[in-house]
Amino acid sequence: MTEHAESQYQSYLLRLWRSGESKTCRVMLERIDSHERHGFADLEDLCAFLREQADDLGGEQEVTR
């Protein structure tokens, strides 16, 4: 993969879990290439982080499902 292509691509491992009897979903995102981890208290924080990452990649913010 070229350097330019790498800067346009990020891959993450997403972990979701509930601890104990908590109804709150916990979230951890780990970047595959660097193993950098980010923890989130809720899904809203995760979505905000992902929006920031998309902005950093540049271009339009069109997300496909």
N, C-alpha and C. Protein backbone atom coordinates (compact mmCIF):
# COMPACT_ATOMS: atom_id res chain seq x y z
N MET A 1 0.85 -1.16 0.00
CA MET A 1 0.00 0.00 0.00
C MET A 1 0.90 1.23 0.00
N THR A 2 0.57 2.21 -0.79
CA THR A 2 1.39 3.41 -0.87
C THR A 2 1.14 4.30 0.33
N GLU A 3 2.07 5.25 0.55
CA GLU A 3 1.93 6.15 1.69
C GLU A 3 0.64 6.97 1.58
N HIS A 4 0.32 7.42 0.36
CA HIS A 4 -0.90 8.20 0.17
C HIS A 4 -2.14 7.36 0.49
N ALA A 5 -2.14 6.13 0.03
CA ALA A 5 -3.28 5.25 0.29
C ALA A 5 -3.43 4.98 1.78
N GLU A 6 -2.32 4.81 2.50
CA GLU A 6 -2.40 4.56 3.93
C GLU A 6 -3.00 5.74 4.67
N SER A 7 -2.70 6.96 4.22
CA SER A 7 -3.23 8.13 4.89
C SER A 7 -4.74 8.28 4.66
N GLN A 8 -5.28 7.58 3.68
CA GLN A 8 -6.71 7.64 3.37
C GLN A 8 -7.47 6.43 3.92
N TYR A 9 -6.81 5.62 4.73
CA TYR A 9 -7.43 4.38 5.19
C TYR A 9 -7.09 4.14 6.65
N GLN A 10 -8.08 3.85 7.46
CA GLN A 10 -7.87 3.48 8.86
C GLN A 10 -8.74 2.27 9.16
N SER A 11 -8.18 1.36 9.93
CA SER A 11 -8.90 0.15 10.29
C SER A 11 -8.89 0.01 11.81
N TYR A 12 -10.06 -0.32 12.36
CA TYR A 12 -10.20 -0.42 13.81
C TYR A 12 -10.87 -1.74 14.20
N LEU A 13 -10.53 -2.20 15.40
CA LEU A 13 -11.23 -3.30 16.04
C LEU A 13 -12.14 -2.68 17.08
N LEU A 14 -13.42 -2.99 17.03
CA LEU A 14 -14.40 -2.43 17.95
C LEU A 14 -14.80 -3.49 18.97
N ARG A 15 -14.75 -3.11 20.25
CA ARG A 15 -15.19 -4.00 21.32
C ARG A 15 -16.33 -3.31 22.08
N LEU A 16 -17.41 -4.04 22.29
CA LEU A 16 -18.56 -3.56 23.06
C LEU A 16 -18.83 -4.56 24.18
N TRP A 17 -19.11 -4.06 25.37
CA TRP A 17 -19.43 -4.96 26.47
C TRP A 17 -20.17 -4.22 27.58
N ARG A 18 -20.78 -4.98 28.45
CA ARG A 18 -21.41 -4.46 29.66
C ARG A 18 -20.70 -5.11 30.84
N SER A 19 -20.34 -4.31 31.83
CA SER A 19 -19.65 -4.85 32.99
C SER A 19 -20.62 -4.99 34.15
N GLY A 20 -20.60 -6.14 34.77
CA GLY A 20 -21.48 -6.40 35.90
C GLY A 20 -22.93 -6.28 35.51
N GLU A 21 -23.71 -5.67 36.39
CA GLU A 21 -25.14 -5.51 36.14
C GLU A 21 -25.45 -4.17 35.48
N SER A 22 -24.43 -3.48 35.05
CA SER A 22 -24.62 -2.17 34.44
C SER A 22 -25.40 -2.27 33.14
N LYS A 23 -26.28 -1.33 32.93
CA LYS A 23 -27.04 -1.29 31.68
C LYS A 23 -26.29 -0.48 30.62
N THR A 24 -25.19 0.18 31.04
CA THR A 24 -24.42 1.01 30.13
C THR A 24 -23.48 0.17 29.29
N CYS A 25 -23.47 0.44 28.02
CA CYS A 25 -22.58 -0.26 27.09
C CYS A 25 -21.22 0.44 27.09
N ARG A 26 -20.15 -0.30 27.31
CA ARG A 26 -18.79 0.24 27.26
C ARG A 26 -18.22 -0.02 25.88
N VAL A 27 -17.31 0.85 25.44
CA VAL A 27 -16.80 0.78 24.08
C VAL A 27 -15.29 0.99 24.08
N MET A 28 -14.57 0.14 23.33
CA MET A 28 -13.15 0.35 23.09
C MET A 28 -12.90 0.19 21.61
N LEU A 29 -12.08 1.09 21.07
CA LEU A 29 -11.71 1.05 19.68
C LEU A 29 -10.19 0.95 19.63
N GLU A 30 -9.67 -0.02 18.88
CA GLU A 30 -8.22 -0.21 18.76
C GLU A 30 -7.81 -0.10 17.30
N ARG A 31 -6.89 0.81 17.02
CA ARG A 31 -6.41 0.97 15.66
C ARG A 31 -5.53 -0.24 15.32
N ILE A 32 -5.81 -0.87 14.19
CA ILE A 32 -5.15 -2.11 13.82
C ILE A 32 -3.66 -1.92 13.58
N ASP A 33 -3.27 -0.86 12.86
CA ASP A 33 -1.85 -0.71 12.50
C ASP A 33 -0.97 -0.30 13.67
N SER A 34 -1.46 0.54 14.58
CA SER A 34 -0.62 1.06 15.66
C SER A 34 -0.98 0.48 17.03
N HIS A 35 -2.07 -0.23 17.13
CA HIS A 35 -2.60 -0.79 18.39
C HIS A 35 -2.96 0.29 19.40
N GLU A 36 -3.12 1.53 18.92
CA GLU A 36 -3.56 2.64 19.77
C GLU A 36 -5.00 2.38 20.17
N ARG A 37 -5.29 2.53 21.47
CA ARG A 37 -6.63 2.24 21.98
C ARG A 37 -7.32 3.50 22.46
N HIS A 38 -8.63 3.52 22.25
CA HIS A 38 -9.46 4.63 22.70
C HIS A 38 -10.67 4.03 23.40
N GLY A 39 -10.92 4.47 24.62
CA GLY A 39 -12.09 4.03 25.36
C GLY A 39 -13.16 5.11 25.34
N PHE A 40 -14.42 4.69 25.33
CA PHE A 40 -15.54 5.62 25.28
C PHE A 40 -16.58 5.24 26.31
N ALA A 41 -17.16 6.24 26.92
CA ALA A 41 -18.18 6.00 27.94
C ALA A 41 -19.52 5.60 27.32
N ASP A 42 -19.73 6.04 26.07
CA ASP A 42 -21.01 5.72 25.43
C ASP A 42 -20.86 5.78 23.91
N LEU A 43 -21.90 5.38 23.22
CA LEU A 43 -21.86 5.33 21.75
C LEU A 43 -21.80 6.73 21.12
N GLU A 44 -22.35 7.73 21.80
CA GLU A 44 -22.29 9.09 21.28
C GLU A 44 -20.84 9.58 21.20
N ASP A 45 -20.04 9.27 22.24
CA ASP A 45 -18.62 9.65 22.24
C ASP A 45 -17.87 8.92 21.13
N LEU A 46 -18.20 7.66 20.92
CA LEU A 46 -17.58 6.89 19.84
C LEU A 46 -17.89 7.54 18.49
N CYS A 47 -19.14 7.89 18.25
CA CYS A 47 -19.52 8.51 16.98
C CYS A 47 -18.82 9.84 16.78
N ALA A 48 -18.67 10.63 17.83
CA ALA A 48 -17.97 11.90 17.72
C ALA A 48 -16.51 11.68 17.34
N PHE A 49 -15.88 10.68 17.93
CA PHE A 49 -14.49 10.36 17.60
C PHE A 49 -14.36 9.94 16.14
N LEU A 50 -15.26 9.10 15.69
CA LEU A 50 -15.20 8.63 14.30
C LEU A 50 -15.43 9.77 13.31
N ARG A 51 -16.30 10.71 13.67
CA ARG A 51 -16.49 11.89 12.81
C ARG A 51 -15.20 12.69 12.71
N GLU A 52 -14.49 12.85 13.83
CA GLU A 52 -13.21 13.56 13.82
C GLU A 52 -12.20 12.85 12.93
N GLN A 53 -12.16 11.54 13.01
CA GLN A 53 -11.23 10.77 12.20
C GLN A 53 -11.55 10.94 10.72
N ALA A 54 -12.83 10.96 10.38
CA ALA A 54 -13.24 11.15 9.00
C ALA A 54 -12.84 12.54 8.52
N ASP A 55 -12.98 13.55 9.37
CA ASP A 55 -12.56 14.91 9.02
C ASP A 55 -11.07 14.96 8.76
N ASP A 56 -10.28 14.25 9.58
CA ASP A 56 -8.82 14.24 9.43
C ASP A 56 -8.39 13.62 8.11
N LEU A 57 -9.20 12.69 7.57
CA LEU A 57 -8.86 12.07 6.29
C LEU A 57 -9.07 13.04 5.14
N GLY A 58 -9.84 14.08 5.39
CA GLY A 58 -10.11 15.07 4.35
C GLY A 58 -11.20 14.62 3.41
N GLY A 59 -11.51 15.47 2.47
CA GLY A 59 -12.55 15.14 1.51
C GLY A 59 -13.92 15.27 2.12
N GLU A 60 -14.90 14.76 1.39
CA GLU A 60 -16.28 14.82 1.84
C GLU A 60 -16.53 13.78 2.92
N GLN A 61 -17.50 14.05 3.76
CA GLN A 61 -17.84 13.15 4.85
C GLN A 61 -18.98 12.24 4.50
N GLU A 62 -18.87 11.53 3.41
CA GLU A 62 -19.91 10.59 3.03
C GLU A 62 -19.55 9.23 3.62
N VAL A 63 -20.43 8.69 4.41
CA VAL A 63 -20.21 7.40 5.04
C VAL A 63 -21.15 6.40 4.39
N THR A 64 -20.59 5.29 3.91
CA THR A 64 -21.42 4.25 3.31
C THR A 64 -21.66 3.15 4.32
N ARG A 65 -22.80 2.49 4.18
CA ARG A 65 -23.13 1.39 5.10
C ARG A 65 -23.20 0.11 4.34
